[in-house]
Amino acid sequence: MSQIPAPRFATTFAVEAYKLRRSLALVLAVVAPLLIAFFMFFNLLRMKQPMPWEMALQTPAAIWAFFMLPMSVTALTALVAHTEHGPRAWDHLRALPLPRWHLYAAKALCVLGLVAVMTVLLALLSVLAAQLAGWWKPAVAATGTPDLPAYALVLARIFMAAWLLVAVQLWLALRLASFVPALATGIGGTFFAVVATSAKAGMGLPWQLPVNQLAADPARADFTLALGAVGGAAAFALMLWCLGRREVLA
């Protein structure tokens, strides 16, 4: 009798991506950057004098890194984990003939992919919001020429610096069936990041690493980028190893 071939990781990832169509994660991925664009549009309209493009684009990047990104990651990881926690489907999935780490790696890639999509949407919508505000009220049209490559680079750095944040929040959301601890951790981490923005300890706080990409000190920005990206990759690897060894998720 021939054995049934074990599914490849690509199949596991495809199934996980398909599940997103039935969750609110895609809605969140669109709403979060859209809210920032709406704020930017109306904030520009209420101004009496124009501002340079550099300053106009720095505002949405700061809002995203400072508050909206950490809170979106908190909600997003809870939604992705609840797909299995809600119907108690982990026992069935972990009994399938495939390496268990495939299940968690697929979820991690989906979350990172959604955060990347949100970052791209923010870049597009924020530029569009500034242009629409200038068309609607020419007196506040941004001056100069937008440095779009530099703006894209800043958002890319913010995304990479958020890897450690994503790993921590996803690990908690997958490890615990209740969404309360993960949400409480995300809210608490964002709160301390907001009230301790300039503190030296913030350089090691996962929720504050993204906003450090806007720091005036290049050394601080580079250090927090490396910590977020390399530390995030290491945290993801440790998460896969630890969760793959567990027999029960509770």
C-alpha atoms as a PDB file:
ATOM      1  CA  MET A   1       0.000   0.000   0.000  1.00  0.00           C
ATOM      2  CA  SER A   2       1.443   3.376  -0.993  1.00  0.00           C
ATOM      3  CA  GLN A   3       1.763   6.010   1.672  1.00  0.00           C
ATOM      4  CA  ILE A   4      -0.004   9.329   1.398  1.00  0.00           C
ATOM      5  CA  PRO A   5       2.632  12.005   0.746  1.00  0.00           C
ATOM      6  CA  ALA A   6       2.974  14.614   3.450  1.00  0.00           C
ATOM      7  CA  PRO A   7       1.826  18.084   2.413  1.00  0.00           C
ATOM      8  CA  ARG A   8       4.568  20.552   1.609  1.00  0.00           C
ATOM      9  CA  PHE A   9       4.885  23.826   3.448  1.00  0.00           C
ATOM     10  CA  ALA A  10       3.556  25.673   0.402  1.00  0.00           C
ATOM     11  CA  THR A  11       0.267  23.805   0.777  1.00  0.00           C
ATOM     12  CA  THR A  12       0.052  24.660   4.475  1.00  0.00           C
ATOM     13  CA  PHE A  13       0.735  28.300   3.723  1.00  0.00           C
ATOM     14  CA  ALA A  14      -1.877  28.366   0.945  1.00  0.00           C
ATOM     15  CA  VAL A  15      -4.493  26.930   3.297  1.00  0.00           C
ATOM     16  CA  GLU A  16      -3.616  29.470   5.984  1.00  0.00           C
ATOM     17  CA  ALA A  17      -3.828  32.325   3.490  1.00  0.00           C
ATOM     18  CA  TYR A  18      -7.232  31.057   2.338  1.00  0.00           C
ATOM     19  CA  LYS A  19      -8.503  31.186   5.931  1.00  0.00           C
ATOM     20  CA  LEU A  20      -7.888  34.921   5.982  1.00  0.00           C
ATOM     21  CA  ARG A  21     -10.758  35.383   3.553  1.00  0.00           C
ATOM     22  CA  ARG A  22     -13.135  34.299   6.299  1.00  0.00           C
ATOM     23  CA  SER A  23     -11.720  36.516   9.035  1.00  0.00           C
ATOM     24  CA  LEU A  24     -11.724  40.206   9.899  1.00  0.00           C
ATOM     25  CA  ALA A  25      -7.963  40.362   9.383  1.00  0.00           C
ATOM     26  CA  LEU A  26      -8.309  41.632   5.815  1.00  0.00           C
ATOM     27  CA  VAL A  27     -10.741  44.318   6.964  1.00  0.00           C
ATOM     28  CA  LEU A  28      -8.261  45.438   9.597  1.00  0.00           C
ATOM     29  CA  ALA A  29      -5.455  45.494   7.036  1.00  0.00           C
ATOM     30  CA  VAL A  30      -7.411  48.034   4.974  1.00  0.00           C
ATOM     31  CA  VAL A  31      -9.042  50.081   7.735  1.00  0.00           C
ATOM     32  CA  ALA A  32      -5.879  50.837   9.751  1.00  0.00           C
ATOM     33  CA  PRO A  33      -3.915  52.651   7.005  1.00  0.00           C
ATOM     34  CA  LEU A  34      -7.139  54.188   5.693  1.00  0.00           C
ATOM     35  CA  LEU A  35      -7.793  55.824   9.067  1.00  0.00           C
ATOM     36  CA  ILE A  36      -4.355  57.429   9.005  1.00  0.00           C
ATOM     37  CA  ALA A  37      -4.970  58.712   5.474  1.00  0.00           C
ATOM     38  CA  PHE A  38      -8.318  60.202   6.518  1.00  0.00           C
ATOM     39  CA  PHE A  39      -6.688  61.927   9.484  1.00  0.00           C
ATOM     40  CA  MET A  40      -3.905  63.267   7.291  1.00  0.00           C
ATOM     41  CA  PHE A  41      -6.389  64.592   4.713  1.00  0.00           C
ATOM     42  CA  PHE A  42      -8.558  66.491   7.192  1.00  0.00           C
ATOM     43  CA  ASN A  43      -5.560  67.646   9.220  1.00  0.00           C
ATOM     44  CA  LEU A  44      -4.073  69.258   6.126  1.00  0.00           C
ATOM     45  CA  LEU A  45      -7.384  70.924   5.278  1.00  0.00           C
ATOM     46  CA  ARG A  46      -7.544  72.629   8.659  1.00  0.00           C
ATOM     47  CA  MET A  47      -4.109  74.194   8.213  1.00  0.00           C
ATOM     48  CA  LYS A  48      -3.667  77.784   7.053  1.00  0.00           C
ATOM     49  CA  GLN A  49      -0.212  77.429   5.538  1.00  0.00           C
ATOM     50  CA  PRO A  50       1.337  74.684   3.415  1.00  0.00           C
ATOM     51  CA  MET A  51       4.040  72.397   4.723  1.00  0.00           C
ATOM     52  CA  PRO A  52       6.915  70.692   2.904  1.00  0.00           C
ATOM     53  CA  TRP A  53       6.284  67.228   1.515  1.00  0.00           C
ATOM     54  CA  GLU A  54       8.882  65.794   3.898  1.00  0.00           C
ATOM     55  CA  MET A  55       6.928  66.978   6.933  1.00  0.00           C
ATOM     56  CA  ALA A  56       3.603  65.970   5.412  1.00  0.00           C
ATOM     57  CA  LEU A  57       4.788  62.385   4.925  1.00  0.00           C
ATOM     58  CA  GLN A  58       6.526  62.225   8.287  1.00  0.00           C
ATOM     59  CA  THR A  59       3.184  62.627  10.071  1.00  0.00           C
ATOM     60  CA  PRO A  60       1.541  59.402   8.815  1.00  0.00           C
ATOM     61  CA  ALA A  61       4.784  57.466   9.303  1.00  0.00           C
ATOM     62  CA  ALA A  62       4.976  58.660  12.923  1.00  0.00           C
ATOM     63  CA  ILE A  63       1.320  57.811  13.639  1.00  0.00           C
ATOM     64  CA  TRP A  64       1.804  54.386  12.091  1.00  0.00           C
ATOM     65  CA  ALA A  65       5.000  53.527  13.965  1.00  0.00           C
ATOM     66  CA  PHE A  66       3.996  55.173  17.226  1.00  0.00           C
ATOM     67  CA  PHE A  67       0.490  53.821  17.768  1.00  0.00           C
ATOM     68  CA  MET A  68      -1.412  52.283  14.872  1.00  0.00           C
ATOM     69  CA  LEU A  69       1.152  49.596  13.992  1.00  0.00           C
ATOM     70  CA  PRO A  70       1.498  48.145  17.534  1.00  0.00           C
ATOM     71  CA  MET A  71      -2.269  48.154  18.071  1.00  0.00           C
ATOM     72  CA  SER A  72      -2.919  46.668  14.617  1.00  0.00           C
ATOM     73  CA  VAL A  73      -0.403  43.873  15.246  1.00  0.00           C
ATOM     74  CA  THR A  74      -2.068  43.157  18.599  1.00  0.00           C
ATOM     75  CA  ALA A  75      -5.504  42.832  17.002  1.00  0.00           C
ATOM     76  CA  LEU A  76      -4.217  41.035  13.910  1.00  0.00           C
ATOM     77  CA  THR A  77      -2.371  38.296  15.793  1.00  0.00           C
ATOM     78  CA  ALA A  78      -5.379  37.743  18.051  1.00  0.00           C
ATOM     79  CA  LEU A  79      -7.661  37.372  15.018  1.00  0.00           C
ATOM     80  CA  VAL A  80      -5.305  34.954  13.253  1.00  0.00           C
ATOM     81  CA  ALA A  81      -4.864  32.794  16.353  1.00  0.00           C
ATOM     82  CA  HIS A  82      -8.590  32.795  17.136  1.00  0.00           C
ATOM     83  CA  THR A  83      -9.236  31.031  13.820  1.00  0.00           C
ATOM     84  CA  GLU A  84      -8.149  27.810  15.556  1.00  0.00           C
ATOM     85  CA  HIS A  85      -8.703  28.720  19.190  1.00  0.00           C
ATOM     86  CA  GLY A  86     -12.361  29.577  18.614  1.00  0.00           C
ATOM     87  CA  PRO A  87     -13.541  26.232  17.175  1.00  0.00           C
ATOM     88  CA  ARG A  88     -10.864  24.323  19.148  1.00  0.00           C
ATOM     89  CA  ALA A  89      -9.306  23.065  15.926  1.00  0.00           C
ATOM     90  CA  TRP A  90      -5.717  22.732  17.147  1.00  0.00           C
ATOM     91  CA  ASP A  91      -6.084  19.066  18.105  1.00  0.00           C
ATOM     92  CA  HIS A  92      -7.204  18.222  14.578  1.00  0.00           C
ATOM     93  CA  LEU A  93      -4.486  20.260  12.892  1.00  0.00           C
ATOM     94  CA  ARG A  94      -1.711  18.903  15.065  1.00  0.00           C
ATOM     95  CA  ALA A  95      -2.805  15.349  14.214  1.00  0.00           C
ATOM     96  CA  LEU A  96      -2.252  15.914  10.487  1.00  0.00           C
ATOM     97  CA  PRO A  97       0.738  14.181   8.834  1.00  0.00           C
ATOM     98  CA  LEU A  98       2.963  17.236   8.591  1.00  0.00           C
ATOM     99  CA  PRO A  99       5.606  18.887  10.757  1.00  0.00           C
ATOM    100  CA  ARG A 100       3.864  20.919  13.429  1.00  0.00           C
ATOM    101  CA  TRP A 101       6.094  23.895  12.916  1.00  0.00           C
ATOM    102  CA  HIS A 102       4.564  24.265   9.449  1.00  0.00           C
ATOM    103  CA  LEU A 103       1.282  25.338  11.079  1.00  0.00           C
ATOM    104  CA  TYR A 104       2.863  28.128  13.079  1.00  0.00           C
ATOM    105  CA  ALA A 105       5.290  29.211  10.351  1.00  0.00           C
ATOM    106  CA  ALA A 106       2.384  29.624   7.928  1.00  0.00           C
ATOM    107  CA  LYS A 107       0.567  31.840  10.404  1.00  0.00           C
ATOM    108  CA  ALA A 108       3.713  33.895  11.022  1.00  0.00           C
ATOM    109  CA  LEU A 109       4.224  34.467   7.299  1.00  0.00           C
ATOM    110  CA  CYS A 110       0.584  35.423   6.855  1.00  0.00           C
ATOM    111  CA  VAL A 111       0.789  37.978   9.651  1.00  0.00           C
ATOM    112  CA  LEU A 112       4.032  39.446   8.329  1.00  0.00           C
ATOM    113  CA  GLY A 113       2.526  39.514   4.851  1.00  0.00           C
ATOM    114  CA  LEU A 114      -0.523  41.408   6.081  1.00  0.00           C
ATOM    115  CA  VAL A 115       1.650  43.927   7.936  1.00  0.00           C
ATOM    116  CA  ALA A 116       3.663  44.408   4.730  1.00  0.00           C
ATOM    117  CA  VAL A 117       0.431  44.970   2.774  1.00  0.00           C
ATOM    118  CA  MET A 118      -0.695  47.507   5.376  1.00  0.00           C
ATOM    119  CA  THR A 119       2.645  49.299   5.033  1.00  0.00           C
ATOM    120  CA  VAL A 120       2.288  49.522   1.248  1.00  0.00           C
ATOM    121  CA  LEU A 121      -1.302  50.745   1.568  1.00  0.00           C
ATOM    122  CA  LEU A 122      -0.174  53.404   4.035  1.00  0.00           C
ATOM    123  CA  ALA A 123       2.457  54.629   1.586  1.00  0.00           C
ATOM    124  CA  LEU A 124      -0.031  54.874  -1.268  1.00  0.00           C
ATOM    125  CA  LEU A 125      -2.942  56.300   0.713  1.00  0.00           C
ATOM    126  CA  SER A 126      -0.899  58.918   2.568  1.00  0.00           C
ATOM    127  CA  VAL A 127       0.552  60.314  -0.662  1.00  0.00           C
ATOM    128  CA  LEU A 128      -2.922  60.292  -2.200  1.00  0.00           C
ATOM    129  CA  ALA A 129      -4.388  62.051   0.846  1.00  0.00           C
ATOM    130  CA  ALA A 130      -1.813  64.836   0.628  1.00  0.00           C
ATOM    131  CA  GLN A 131      -2.455  65.293  -3.080  1.00  0.00           C
ATOM    132  CA  LEU A 132      -6.231  65.347  -2.615  1.00  0.00           C
ATOM    133  CA  ALA A 133      -5.946  67.888   0.190  1.00  0.00           C
ATOM    134  CA  GLY A 134      -3.848  70.130  -2.055  1.00  0.00           C
ATOM    135  CA  TRP A 135      -6.369  69.785  -4.867  1.00  0.00           C
ATOM    136  CA  TRP A 136      -9.311  70.466  -2.548  1.00  0.00           C
ATOM    137  CA  LYS A 137      -7.632  73.460  -0.897  1.00  0.00           C
ATOM    138  CA  PRO A 138      -4.706  74.745  -2.994  1.00  0.00           C
ATOM    139  CA  ALA A 139      -3.579  77.061  -0.192  1.00  0.00           C
ATOM    140  CA  VAL A 140      -2.362  74.060   1.839  1.00  0.00           C
ATOM    141  CA  ALA A 141      -0.847  72.072  -1.037  1.00  0.00           C
ATOM    142  CA  ALA A 142       2.438  70.504   0.064  1.00  0.00           C
ATOM    143  CA  THR A 143       5.467  72.382  -1.194  1.00  0.00           C
ATOM    144  CA  GLY A 144       8.511  70.977  -2.924  1.00  0.00           C
ATOM    145  CA  THR A 145       8.863  67.540  -4.453  1.00  0.00           C
ATOM    146  CA  PRO A 146       7.995  64.396  -2.480  1.00  0.00           C
ATOM    147  CA  ASP A 147      10.995  62.125  -1.921  1.00  0.00           C
ATOM    148  CA  LEU A 148       9.049  58.906  -2.389  1.00  0.00           C
ATOM    149  CA  PRO A 149      12.085  56.548  -2.296  1.00  0.00           C
ATOM    150  CA  ALA A 150      13.131  57.983   1.078  1.00  0.00           C
ATOM    151  CA  TYR A 151       9.564  57.667   2.382  1.00  0.00           C
ATOM    152  CA  ALA A 152       9.376  54.058   1.192  1.00  0.00           C
ATOM    153  CA  LEU A 153      12.710  53.328   2.875  1.00  0.00           C
ATOM    154  CA  VAL A 154      11.496  54.723   6.209  1.00  0.00           C
ATOM    155  CA  LEU A 155       8.319  52.622   6.062  1.00  0.00           C
ATOM    156  CA  ALA A 156      10.361  49.548   5.121  1.00  0.00           C
ATOM    157  CA  ARG A 157      12.624  50.098   8.131  1.00  0.00           C
ATOM    158  CA  ILE A 158       9.575  50.482  10.368  1.00  0.00           C
ATOM    159  CA  PHE A 159       8.219  47.192   9.027  1.00  0.00           C
ATOM    160  CA  MET A 160      11.459  45.316   9.630  1.00  0.00           C
ATOM    161  CA  ALA A 161      11.892  46.817  13.096  1.00  0.00           C
ATOM    162  CA  ALA A 162       8.418  45.496  13.969  1.00  0.00           C
ATOM    163  CA  TRP A 163       9.366  41.829  13.476  1.00  0.00           C
ATOM    164  CA  LEU A 164      10.194  41.341  17.154  1.00  0.00           C
ATOM    165  CA  LEU A 165       6.881  42.948  18.118  1.00  0.00           C
ATOM    166  CA  VAL A 166       5.001  40.651  15.735  1.00  0.00           C
ATOM    167  CA  ALA A 167       6.822  37.579  17.063  1.00  0.00           C
ATOM    168  CA  VAL A 168       6.033  38.401  20.698  1.00  0.00           C
ATOM    169  CA  GLN A 169       2.364  39.131  20.050  1.00  0.00           C
ATOM    170  CA  LEU A 170       1.855  36.111  17.779  1.00  0.00           C
ATOM    171  CA  TRP A 171       3.571  33.776  20.241  1.00  0.00           C
ATOM    172  CA  LEU A 172       1.271  34.902  23.044  1.00  0.00           C
ATOM    173  CA  ALA A 173      -1.818  34.708  20.835  1.00  0.00           C
ATOM    174  CA  LEU A 174      -0.995  31.170  19.657  1.00  0.00           C
ATOM    175  CA  ARG A 175       0.147  29.874  23.027  1.00  0.00           C
ATOM    176  CA  LEU A 176      -2.905  30.990  25.030  1.00  0.00           C
ATOM    177  CA  ALA A 177      -6.466  30.155  23.995  1.00  0.00           C
ATOM    178  CA  SER A 178      -7.816  33.290  25.667  1.00  0.00           C
ATOM    179  CA  PHE A 179      -7.221  36.457  23.681  1.00  0.00           C
ATOM    180  CA  VAL A 180      -7.182  38.597  26.836  1.00  0.00           C
ATOM    181  CA  PRO A 181      -3.468  38.135  27.794  1.00  0.00           C
ATOM    182  CA  ALA A 182      -2.276  38.944  24.270  1.00  0.00           C
ATOM    183  CA  LEU A 183      -4.514  42.008  24.031  1.00  0.00           C
ATOM    184  CA  ALA A 184      -3.509  43.191  27.500  1.00  0.00           C
ATOM    185  CA  THR A 185       0.172  42.781  26.632  1.00  0.00           C
ATOM    186  CA  GLY A 186      -0.220  44.696  23.390  1.00  0.00           C
ATOM    187  CA  ILE A 187      -2.156  47.526  25.009  1.00  0.00           C
ATOM    188  CA  GLY A 188       0.289  47.705  27.920  1.00  0.00           C
ATOM    189  CA  GLY A 189       3.323  47.622  25.647  1.00  0.00           C
ATOM    190  CA  THR A 190       1.914  50.381  23.455  1.00  0.00           C
ATOM    191  CA  PHE A 191       1.080  52.461  26.529  1.00  0.00           C
ATOM    192  CA  PHE A 192       4.599  52.249  27.935  1.00  0.00           C
ATOM    193  CA  ALA A 193       6.039  52.968  24.486  1.00  0.00           C
ATOM    194  CA  VAL A 194       3.948  56.139  24.287  1.00  0.00           C
ATOM    195  CA  VAL A 195       4.766  57.458  27.763  1.00  0.00           C
ATOM    196  CA  ALA A 196       8.465  56.551  27.552  1.00  0.00           C
ATOM    197  CA  THR A 197       9.251  57.598  24.001  1.00  0.00           C
ATOM    198  CA  SER A 198      12.655  59.156  24.690  1.00  0.00           C
ATOM    199  CA  ALA A 199      13.748  56.775  27.437  1.00  0.00           C
ATOM    200  CA  LYS A 200      16.896  54.743  26.839  1.00  0.00           C
ATOM    201  CA  ALA A 201      15.035  51.630  27.954  1.00  0.00           C
ATOM    202  CA  GLY A 202      12.761  52.126  24.960  1.00  0.00           C
ATOM    203  CA  MET A 203      15.539  50.945  22.705  1.00  0.00           C
ATOM    204  CA  GLY A 204      14.850  47.411  23.900  1.00  0.00           C
ATOM    205  CA  LEU A 205      11.050  47.529  24.089  1.00  0.00           C
ATOM    206  CA  PRO A 206       9.535  45.667  21.096  1.00  0.00           C
ATOM    207  CA  TRP A 207       6.579  48.060  20.869  1.00  0.00           C
ATOM    208  CA  GLN A 208       8.903  51.059  20.609  1.00  0.00           C
ATOM    209  CA  LEU A 209      11.384  49.708  18.073  1.00  0.00           C
ATOM    210  CA  PRO A 210       9.390  50.830  14.998  1.00  0.00           C
ATOM    211  CA  VAL A 211       9.090  54.470  16.059  1.00  0.00           C
ATOM    212  CA  ASN A 212      12.843  54.592  16.702  1.00  0.00           C
ATOM    213  CA  GLN A 213      13.300  54.480  12.926  1.00  0.00           C
ATOM    214  CA  LEU A 214      12.247  58.139  12.988  1.00  0.00           C
ATOM    215  CA  ALA A 215      14.857  59.061  15.603  1.00  0.00           C
ATOM    216  CA  ALA A 216      17.200  61.940  14.857  1.00  0.00           C
ATOM    217  CA  ASP A 217      20.154  59.824  16.003  1.00  0.00           C
ATOM    218  CA  PRO A 218      21.135  57.451  13.139  1.00  0.00           C
ATOM    219  CA  ALA A 219      22.930  55.124  15.570  1.00  0.00           C
ATOM    220  CA  ARG A 220      19.739  54.659  17.617  1.00  0.00           C
ATOM    221  CA  ALA A 221      17.721  54.012  14.464  1.00  0.00           C
ATOM    222  CA  ASP A 222      20.222  51.458  13.140  1.00  0.00           C
ATOM    223  CA  PHE A 223      20.529  49.662  16.478  1.00  0.00           C
ATOM    224  CA  THR A 224      16.775  49.335  16.937  1.00  0.00           C
ATOM    225  CA  LEU A 225      16.391  48.195  13.319  1.00  0.00           C
ATOM    226  CA  ALA A 226      18.908  45.398  13.861  1.00  0.00           C
ATOM    227  CA  LEU A 227      17.325  44.480  17.182  1.00  0.00           C
ATOM    228  CA  GLY A 228      13.852  44.345  15.690  1.00  0.00           C
ATOM    229  CA  ALA A 229      14.768  42.411  12.547  1.00  0.00           C
ATOM    230  CA  VAL A 230      17.404  40.001  13.892  1.00  0.00           C
ATOM    231  CA  GLY A 231      15.694  39.634  17.255  1.00  0.00           C
ATOM    232  CA  GLY A 232      12.393  39.059  15.516  1.00  0.00           C
ATOM    233  CA  ALA A 233      13.836  36.333  13.291  1.00  0.00           C
ATOM    234  CA  ALA A 234      15.344  34.643  16.347  1.00  0.00           C
ATOM    235  CA  ALA A 235      12.069  34.960  18.271  1.00  0.00           C
ATOM    236  CA  PHE A 236      10.133  33.430  15.377  1.00  0.00           C
ATOM    237  CA  ALA A 237      12.555  30.494  15.245  1.00  0.00           C
ATOM    238  CA  LEU A 238      12.277  29.966  19.007  1.00  0.00           C
ATOM    239  CA  MET A 239       8.488  30.203  18.785  1.00  0.00           C
ATOM    240  CA  LEU A 240       8.349  27.502  16.106  1.00  0.00           C
ATOM    241  CA  TRP A 241      10.599  25.235  18.141  1.00  0.00           C
ATOM    242  CA  CYS A 242       8.714  25.696  21.412  1.00  0.00           C
ATOM    243  CA  LEU A 243       5.196  25.456  20.010  1.00  0.00           C
ATOM    244  CA  GLY A 244       6.137  22.517  17.800  1.00  0.00           C
ATOM    245  CA  ARG A 245       7.270  20.543  20.838  1.00  0.00           C
ATOM    246  CA  ARG A 246       4.089  21.086  22.848  1.00  0.00           C
ATOM    247  CA  GLU A 247       1.419  18.423  22.826  1.00  0.00           C
ATOM    248  CA  VAL A 248      -1.412  20.726  23.874  1.00  0.00           C
ATOM    249  CA  LEU A 249      -2.087  24.416  23.417  1.00  0.00           C
ATOM    250  CA  ALA A 250      -4.077  25.961  26.269  1.00  0.00           C
END
